[in-house]
Amino acid sequence: MPDQHTDQAPFRPHPHPGLLIALEGPDGGGKTTQAARLVSWLRETGLDVVACHDPGSTAVGERLRQIVLDRASVHLSVRAEVFIYMASRAQLVDEVIRPSLEAGRVVVTDRFLLSSLVYQGHAGGLPLDLVARLGRDATDGLLPDLTLVLDVPLDAARARVGPGRDRIEDRPDAYRNRVREGFLHVGRDPSAYPARTIVVDANADADSVFGRIQNEVGRVLAIGPRP
């Protein structure tokens, strides 16, 4: 699938010297595994790298993560859900991401704003402009320099994940299909998500997927993948 921003030069949608890379996509796409591999590879090249996950990666964020994902939590409306995610994201940006970017570090995050646009917006039914506005406020306008969407068909994702592990993964296949569709479409809509976005076929073997990730990240950082 072509990159929406292929013809544009790499850009940094923030004034800081660091670089923010987000891995996104439906559950079962291998984001967490590939994010860890990416962090290791970038550190091997000599870069100062900070790894984080959204929601979480701060004391406040981890407590909010427990609330929003725990099956035992009281029922949350989609509106309440998106505010919890945004609160965690605001803390993550203020405490971890922005200071790291200002120090010139590379930040690799497992999920970021696009997930809320997809899960609570496209799939959950909230207006995209509402989620986008909340996202701009929560992140103070911060967007990734590069977003990699790891795309995987529903049947393959289900086989990898198995039974749902949290209240989001417990949702029915119709919701999961809307999530996948949302990542493929919302991520390419500059009015909702004006950041460089590339879709990676995550249905391939893990090494092939990581090779593609290396190539795309290498372009932005002007480094080449190591054999």
C-alpha atoms as a PDB file:
ATOM      1  CA  MET A   1       0.000   0.000   0.000  1.00  0.00           C
ATOM      2  CA  PRO A   2       1.425   3.400  -0.936  1.00  0.00           C
ATOM      3  CA  ASP A   3       2.482   5.923   1.669  1.00  0.00           C
ATOM      4  CA  GLN A   4       0.212   8.947   1.652  1.00  0.00           C
ATOM      5  CA  HIS A   5       3.238  11.215   2.094  1.00  0.00           C
ATOM      6  CA  THR A   6       5.655   9.428  -0.275  1.00  0.00           C
ATOM      7  CA  ASP A   7       6.272  12.514  -2.395  1.00  0.00           C
ATOM      8  CA  GLN A   8       6.980  14.733   0.557  1.00  0.00           C
ATOM      9  CA  ALA A   9      10.361  15.166   2.181  1.00  0.00           C
ATOM     10  CA  PRO A  10      10.670  13.910   5.749  1.00  0.00           C
ATOM     11  CA  PHE A  11       9.538  16.562   8.189  1.00  0.00           C
ATOM     12  CA  ARG A  12       9.548  17.145  11.914  1.00  0.00           C
ATOM     13  CA  PRO A  13       6.177  18.353  13.205  1.00  0.00           C
ATOM     14  CA  HIS A  14       7.795  19.867  16.306  1.00  0.00           C
ATOM     15  CA  PRO A  15      10.674  22.279  17.005  1.00  0.00           C
ATOM     16  CA  HIS A  16      12.764  19.818  19.014  1.00  0.00           C
ATOM     17  CA  PRO A  17      15.978  18.154  17.790  1.00  0.00           C
ATOM     18  CA  GLY A  18      14.808  14.638  18.704  1.00  0.00           C
ATOM     19  CA  LEU A  19      12.639  12.262  16.698  1.00  0.00           C
ATOM     20  CA  LEU A  20       9.320  10.624  17.619  1.00  0.00           C
ATOM     21  CA  ILE A  21       8.378   7.294  16.035  1.00  0.00           C
ATOM     22  CA  ALA A  22       5.027   5.619  16.766  1.00  0.00           C
ATOM     23  CA  LEU A  23       4.084   2.016  16.033  1.00  0.00           C
ATOM     24  CA  GLU A  24       0.352   1.591  15.564  1.00  0.00           C
ATOM     25  CA  GLY A  25      -2.136  -0.956  14.296  1.00  0.00           C
ATOM     26  CA  PRO A  26      -4.689  -3.552  15.413  1.00  0.00           C
ATOM     27  CA  ASP A  27      -3.911  -5.915  18.272  1.00  0.00           C
ATOM     28  CA  GLY A  28      -2.042  -8.934  16.937  1.00  0.00           C
ATOM     29  CA  GLY A  29       0.087  -6.952  14.518  1.00  0.00           C
ATOM     30  CA  GLY A  30       3.262  -7.429  16.547  1.00  0.00           C
ATOM     31  CA  LYS A  31       3.746  -3.798  17.617  1.00  0.00           C
ATOM     32  CA  THR A  32       5.271  -4.556  20.997  1.00  0.00           C
ATOM     33  CA  THR A  33       7.749  -7.090  19.591  1.00  0.00           C
ATOM     34  CA  GLN A  34       8.738  -4.888  16.669  1.00  0.00           C
ATOM     35  CA  ALA A  35       9.029  -1.785  18.866  1.00  0.00           C
ATOM     36  CA  ALA A  36      11.491  -3.641  21.112  1.00  0.00           C
ATOM     37  CA  ARG A  37      13.517  -4.769  18.077  1.00  0.00           C
ATOM     38  CA  LEU A  38      13.519  -1.226  16.705  1.00  0.00           C
ATOM     39  CA  VAL A  39      14.745   0.204  20.001  1.00  0.00           C
ATOM     40  CA  SER A  40      17.571  -2.371  20.167  1.00  0.00           C
ATOM     41  CA  TRP A  41      18.638  -1.721  16.580  1.00  0.00           C
ATOM     42  CA  LEU A  42      18.651   2.052  16.988  1.00  0.00           C
ATOM     43  CA  ARG A  43      20.722   1.769  20.151  1.00  0.00           C
ATOM     44  CA  GLU A  44      23.193  -0.452  18.291  1.00  0.00           C
ATOM     45  CA  THR A  45      23.645   2.356  15.772  1.00  0.00           C
ATOM     46  CA  GLY A  46      24.699   4.620  18.645  1.00  0.00           C
ATOM     47  CA  LEU A  47      21.511   6.615  19.087  1.00  0.00           C
ATOM     48  CA  ASP A  48      20.088   7.633  22.453  1.00  0.00           C
ATOM     49  CA  VAL A  49      16.654   5.972  22.445  1.00  0.00           C
ATOM     50  CA  VAL A  50      13.722   6.170  24.844  1.00  0.00           C
ATOM     51  CA  ALA A  51      11.040   3.458  24.694  1.00  0.00           C
ATOM     52  CA  CYS A  52       7.506   3.972  25.952  1.00  0.00           C
ATOM     53  CA  HIS A  53       3.979   2.674  25.557  1.00  0.00           C
ATOM     54  CA  ASP A  54       0.661   4.490  25.413  1.00  0.00           C
ATOM     55  CA  PRO A  55      -1.273   4.357  27.694  1.00  0.00           C
ATOM     56  CA  GLY A  56       1.324   4.038  30.431  1.00  0.00           C
ATOM     57  CA  SER A  57       5.059   4.615  30.918  1.00  0.00           C
ATOM     58  CA  THR A  58       4.453   7.026  33.792  1.00  0.00           C
ATOM     59  CA  ALA A  59       3.145   6.392  37.317  1.00  0.00           C
ATOM     60  CA  VAL A  60      -0.079   8.217  36.463  1.00  0.00           C
ATOM     61  CA  GLY A  61      -0.355   6.533  33.077  1.00  0.00           C
ATOM     62  CA  GLU A  62       0.037   3.032  34.477  1.00  0.00           C
ATOM     63  CA  ARG A  63      -2.771   3.600  36.972  1.00  0.00           C
ATOM     64  CA  LEU A  64      -5.023   4.955  34.217  1.00  0.00           C
ATOM     65  CA  ARG A  65      -4.057   2.002  32.004  1.00  0.00           C
ATOM     66  CA  GLN A  66      -5.312  -0.394  34.673  1.00  0.00           C
ATOM     67  CA  ILE A  67      -8.649   1.404  34.799  1.00  0.00           C
ATOM     68  CA  VAL A  68      -9.226   1.548  31.062  1.00  0.00           C
ATOM     69  CA  LEU A  69      -8.152  -2.024  30.248  1.00  0.00           C
ATOM     70  CA  ASP A  70      -9.205  -3.969  33.338  1.00  0.00           C
ATOM     71  CA  ARG A  71     -12.206  -6.255  32.760  1.00  0.00           C
ATOM     72  CA  ALA A  72     -13.195  -5.734  36.401  1.00  0.00           C
ATOM     73  CA  SER A  73     -13.515  -1.970  35.943  1.00  0.00           C
ATOM     74  CA  VAL A  74     -16.931  -0.407  36.062  1.00  0.00           C
ATOM     75  CA  HIS A  75     -18.496   0.084  32.659  1.00  0.00           C
ATOM     76  CA  LEU A  76     -16.906   2.960  30.776  1.00  0.00           C
ATOM     77  CA  SER A  77     -18.663   4.904  28.059  1.00  0.00           C
ATOM     78  CA  VAL A  78     -16.614   5.592  24.943  1.00  0.00           C
ATOM     79  CA  ARG A  79     -16.525   9.289  25.874  1.00  0.00           C
ATOM     80  CA  ALA A  80     -15.142   8.498  29.321  1.00  0.00           C
ATOM     81  CA  GLU A  81     -12.686   6.054  27.752  1.00  0.00           C
ATOM     82  CA  VAL A  82     -11.213   8.620  25.393  1.00  0.00           C
ATOM     83  CA  PHE A  83     -10.690  11.128  28.212  1.00  0.00           C
ATOM     84  CA  ILE A  84      -8.784   8.528  30.243  1.00  0.00           C
ATOM     85  CA  TYR A  85      -6.534   7.759  27.273  1.00  0.00           C
ATOM     86  CA  MET A  86      -5.949  11.449  26.671  1.00  0.00           C
ATOM     87  CA  ALA A  87      -5.085  12.087  30.325  1.00  0.00           C
ATOM     88  CA  SER A  88      -2.502   9.303  30.232  1.00  0.00           C
ATOM     89  CA  ARG A  89      -1.141  10.649  26.942  1.00  0.00           C
ATOM     90  CA  ALA A  90      -0.851  14.182  28.292  1.00  0.00           C
ATOM     91  CA  GLN A  91       1.218  12.929  31.213  1.00  0.00           C
ATOM     92  CA  LEU A  92       3.362  10.813  28.889  1.00  0.00           C
ATOM     93  CA  VAL A  93       4.096  13.794  26.638  1.00  0.00           C
ATOM     94  CA  ASP A  94       4.874  16.161  29.511  1.00  0.00           C
ATOM     95  CA  GLU A  95       6.910  13.733  31.601  1.00  0.00           C
ATOM     96  CA  VAL A  96       8.688  11.550  29.033  1.00  0.00           C
ATOM     97  CA  ILE A  97       8.311  12.398  25.353  1.00  0.00           C
ATOM     98  CA  ARG A  98       8.774  16.158  25.154  1.00  0.00           C
ATOM     99  CA  PRO A  99      11.788  16.297  27.523  1.00  0.00           C
ATOM    100  CA  SER A 100      13.379  13.462  25.539  1.00  0.00           C
ATOM    101  CA  LEU A 101      12.821  15.248  22.229  1.00  0.00           C
ATOM    102  CA  GLU A 102      14.221  18.478  23.647  1.00  0.00           C
ATOM    103  CA  ALA A 103      17.334  16.523  24.684  1.00  0.00           C
ATOM    104  CA  GLY A 104      17.755  15.233  21.111  1.00  0.00           C
ATOM    105  CA  ARG A 105      16.748  11.635  21.827  1.00  0.00           C
ATOM    106  CA  VAL A 106      14.816   9.259  19.591  1.00  0.00           C
ATOM    107  CA  VAL A 107      11.518   8.224  21.182  1.00  0.00           C
ATOM    108  CA  VAL A 108       9.820   4.998  20.101  1.00  0.00           C
ATOM    109  CA  THR A 109       6.269   4.631  21.379  1.00  0.00           C
ATOM    110  CA  ASP A 110       3.979   1.623  21.210  1.00  0.00           C
ATOM    111  CA  ARG A 111       0.772   3.486  20.226  1.00  0.00           C
ATOM    112  CA  PHE A 112      -0.020   7.199  20.283  1.00  0.00           C
ATOM    113  CA  LEU A 113      -2.785   9.547  19.157  1.00  0.00           C
ATOM    114  CA  LEU A 114      -3.801   7.577  16.051  1.00  0.00           C
ATOM    115  CA  SER A 115      -5.036   4.756  18.310  1.00  0.00           C
ATOM    116  CA  SER A 116      -7.632   7.033  19.928  1.00  0.00           C
ATOM    117  CA  LEU A 117      -8.754   8.349  16.543  1.00  0.00           C
ATOM    118  CA  VAL A 118      -9.322   4.751  15.477  1.00  0.00           C
ATOM    119  CA  TYR A 119     -10.514   2.932  18.600  1.00  0.00           C
ATOM    120  CA  GLN A 120     -12.742   5.604  20.122  1.00  0.00           C
ATOM    121  CA  GLY A 121     -13.393   7.576  16.929  1.00  0.00           C
ATOM    122  CA  HIS A 122     -13.726   5.454  13.797  1.00  0.00           C
ATOM    123  CA  ALA A 123     -14.592   2.195  15.582  1.00  0.00           C
ATOM    124  CA  GLY A 124     -16.175   3.607  18.729  1.00  0.00           C
ATOM    125  CA  GLY A 125     -18.450   6.137  17.098  1.00  0.00           C
ATOM    126  CA  LEU A 126     -17.138   9.411  18.497  1.00  0.00           C
ATOM    127  CA  PRO A 127     -16.748  12.224  15.937  1.00  0.00           C
ATOM    128  CA  LEU A 128     -13.207  12.267  14.572  1.00  0.00           C
ATOM    129  CA  ASP A 129     -12.988  16.027  14.888  1.00  0.00           C
ATOM    130  CA  LEU A 130     -13.801  15.744  18.612  1.00  0.00           C
ATOM    131  CA  VAL A 131     -11.101  13.103  19.189  1.00  0.00           C
ATOM    132  CA  ALA A 132      -8.610  15.068  17.095  1.00  0.00           C
ATOM    133  CA  ARG A 133      -9.328  18.241  19.085  1.00  0.00           C
ATOM    134  CA  LEU A 134      -8.909  16.407  22.381  1.00  0.00           C
ATOM    135  CA  GLY A 135      -5.691  14.912  21.050  1.00  0.00           C
ATOM    136  CA  ARG A 136      -4.255  18.289  20.086  1.00  0.00           C
ATOM    137  CA  ASP A 137      -5.006  19.595  23.568  1.00  0.00           C
ATOM    138  CA  ALA A 138      -3.623  16.515  25.342  1.00  0.00           C
ATOM    139  CA  THR A 139      -0.369  16.472  23.368  1.00  0.00           C
ATOM    140  CA  ASP A 140      -0.059  20.254  22.968  1.00  0.00           C
ATOM    141  CA  GLY A 141      -0.068  19.656  19.220  1.00  0.00           C
ATOM    142  CA  LEU A 142       2.725  17.073  19.230  1.00  0.00           C
ATOM    143  CA  LEU A 143       2.643  14.499  16.412  1.00  0.00           C
ATOM    144  CA  PRO A 144       5.090  11.720  15.529  1.00  0.00           C
ATOM    145  CA  ASP A 145       7.698  12.323  12.845  1.00  0.00           C
ATOM    146  CA  LEU A 146       6.861   8.858  11.551  1.00  0.00           C
ATOM    147  CA  THR A 147       3.921   6.567  12.249  1.00  0.00           C
ATOM    148  CA  LEU A 148       4.206   2.924  11.186  1.00  0.00           C
ATOM    149  CA  VAL A 149       0.874   1.110  11.010  1.00  0.00           C
ATOM    150  CA  LEU A 150       1.377  -2.646  11.307  1.00  0.00           C
ATOM    151  CA  ASP A 151      -1.583  -4.028   9.389  1.00  0.00           C
ATOM    152  CA  VAL A 152      -2.820  -7.600   9.857  1.00  0.00           C
ATOM    153  CA  PRO A 153      -6.067  -9.341   8.779  1.00  0.00           C
ATOM    154  CA  LEU A 154      -8.556 -10.153  11.515  1.00  0.00           C
ATOM    155  CA  ASP A 155      -8.165 -13.936  11.317  1.00  0.00           C
ATOM    156  CA  ALA A 156      -4.377 -13.724  11.593  1.00  0.00           C
ATOM    157  CA  ALA A 157      -4.625 -11.231  14.471  1.00  0.00           C
ATOM    158  CA  ARG A 158      -7.085 -13.478  16.301  1.00  0.00           C
ATOM    159  CA  ALA A 159      -4.780 -16.480  15.892  1.00  0.00           C
ATOM    160  CA  ARG A 160      -1.831 -14.529  17.313  1.00  0.00           C
ATOM    161  CA  VAL A 161      -3.641 -12.905  20.224  1.00  0.00           C
ATOM    162  CA  GLY A 162      -5.891 -15.798  21.197  1.00  0.00           C
ATOM    163  CA  PRO A 163      -8.603 -15.083  23.773  1.00  0.00           C
ATOM    164  CA  GLY A 164      -8.976 -11.426  24.704  1.00  0.00           C
ATOM    165  CA  ARG A 165      -6.559 -10.255  27.380  1.00  0.00           C
ATOM    166  CA  ASP A 166      -8.344  -7.031  28.334  1.00  0.00           C
ATOM    167  CA  ARG A 167     -11.662  -5.240  27.922  1.00  0.00           C
ATOM    168  CA  ILE A 168     -10.688  -3.759  24.552  1.00  0.00           C
ATOM    169  CA  GLU A 169      -9.623  -7.108  23.082  1.00  0.00           C
ATOM    170  CA  ASP A 170     -12.863  -8.642  24.406  1.00  0.00           C
ATOM    171  CA  ARG A 171     -14.877  -6.606  21.920  1.00  0.00           C
ATOM    172  CA  PRO A 172     -16.562  -8.435  19.005  1.00  0.00           C
ATOM    173  CA  ASP A 173     -15.164  -9.038  15.530  1.00  0.00           C
ATOM    174  CA  ALA A 174     -17.323  -6.276  14.045  1.00  0.00           C
ATOM    175  CA  TYR A 175     -15.520  -3.771  16.261  1.00  0.00           C
ATOM    176  CA  ARG A 176     -12.117  -5.278  15.399  1.00  0.00           C
ATOM    177  CA  ASN A 177     -12.919  -5.007  11.698  1.00  0.00           C
ATOM    178  CA  ARG A 178     -13.746  -1.332  12.137  1.00  0.00           C
ATOM    179  CA  VAL A 179     -10.452  -0.892  13.989  1.00  0.00           C
ATOM    180  CA  ARG A 180      -8.463  -2.346  11.108  1.00  0.00           C
ATOM    181  CA  GLU A 181     -10.405  -0.275   8.590  1.00  0.00           C
ATOM    182  CA  GLY A 182      -9.812   2.803  10.707  1.00  0.00           C
ATOM    183  CA  PHE A 183      -6.047   2.401  10.774  1.00  0.00           C
ATOM    184  CA  LEU A 184      -6.003   2.026   6.996  1.00  0.00           C
ATOM    185  CA  HIS A 185      -8.198   5.077   6.365  1.00  0.00           C
ATOM    186  CA  VAL A 186      -7.978   7.492   9.294  1.00  0.00           C
ATOM    187  CA  GLY A 187      -4.180   7.298   9.272  1.00  0.00           C
ATOM    188  CA  ARG A 188      -4.260   8.549   5.683  1.00  0.00           C
ATOM    189  CA  ASP A 189      -6.608  11.465   6.359  1.00  0.00           C
ATOM    190  CA  PRO A 190      -4.516  14.644   6.836  1.00  0.00           C
ATOM    191  CA  SER A 191      -7.521  16.463   8.263  1.00  0.00           C
ATOM    192  CA  ALA A 192      -7.678  13.984  11.144  1.00  0.00           C
ATOM    193  CA  TYR A 193      -4.064  12.868  11.431  1.00  0.00           C
ATOM    194  CA  PRO A 194      -1.614  15.185   9.637  1.00  0.00           C
ATOM    195  CA  ALA A 195       1.488  13.098  10.229  1.00  0.00           C
ATOM    196  CA  ARG A 196       3.686  10.991   7.966  1.00  0.00           C
ATOM    197  CA  THR A 197       2.082   7.512   7.999  1.00  0.00           C
ATOM    198  CA  ILE A 198       3.263   4.290   6.392  1.00  0.00           C
ATOM    199  CA  VAL A 199       1.374   0.992   6.349  1.00  0.00           C
ATOM    200  CA  VAL A 200       3.485  -2.138   6.835  1.00  0.00           C
ATOM    201  CA  ASP A 201       2.182  -5.612   5.976  1.00  0.00           C
ATOM    202  CA  ALA A 202       2.508  -7.315   9.356  1.00  0.00           C
ATOM    203  CA  ASN A 203       1.083 -10.580   8.049  1.00  0.00           C
ATOM    204  CA  ALA A 204       4.550 -11.428   6.726  1.00  0.00           C
ATOM    205  CA  ASP A 205       7.169 -13.174   8.855  1.00  0.00           C
ATOM    206  CA  ALA A 206       8.618 -11.131  11.717  1.00  0.00           C
ATOM    207  CA  ASP A 207      12.040 -10.661  10.100  1.00  0.00           C
ATOM    208  CA  SER A 208      10.529  -9.351   6.868  1.00  0.00           C
ATOM    209  CA  VAL A 209       8.332  -6.944   8.818  1.00  0.00           C
ATOM    210  CA  PHE A 210      11.304  -5.678  10.777  1.00  0.00           C
ATOM    211  CA  GLY A 211      13.304  -5.237   7.571  1.00  0.00           C
ATOM    212  CA  ARG A 212      10.607  -2.928   6.227  1.00  0.00           C
ATOM    213  CA  ILE A 213      10.541  -1.017   9.512  1.00  0.00           C
ATOM    214  CA  GLN A 214      14.317  -0.605   9.382  1.00  0.00           C
ATOM    215  CA  ASN A 215      14.117   0.765   5.845  1.00  0.00           C
ATOM    216  CA  GLU A 216      11.421   3.304   6.663  1.00  0.00           C
ATOM    217  CA  VAL A 217      13.035   4.467   9.902  1.00  0.00           C
ATOM    218  CA  GLY A 218      16.431   4.525   8.223  1.00  0.00           C
ATOM    219  CA  ARG A 219      15.122   6.941   5.606  1.00  0.00           C
ATOM    220  CA  VAL A 220      13.940   9.396   8.244  1.00  0.00           C
ATOM    221  CA  LEU A 221      17.133   9.108  10.292  1.00  0.00           C
ATOM    222  CA  ALA A 222      19.437   8.905   7.235  1.00  0.00           C
ATOM    223  CA  ILE A 223      20.901   5.603   8.436  1.00  0.00           C
ATOM    224  CA  GLY A 224      20.990   2.234   6.744  1.00  0.00           C
ATOM    225  CA  PRO A 225      19.777  -1.085   8.173  1.00  0.00           C
ATOM    226  CA  ARG A 226      22.502  -3.396   9.376  1.00  0.00           C
ATOM    227  CA  PRO A 227      22.701  -6.952   8.022  1.00  0.00           C
END
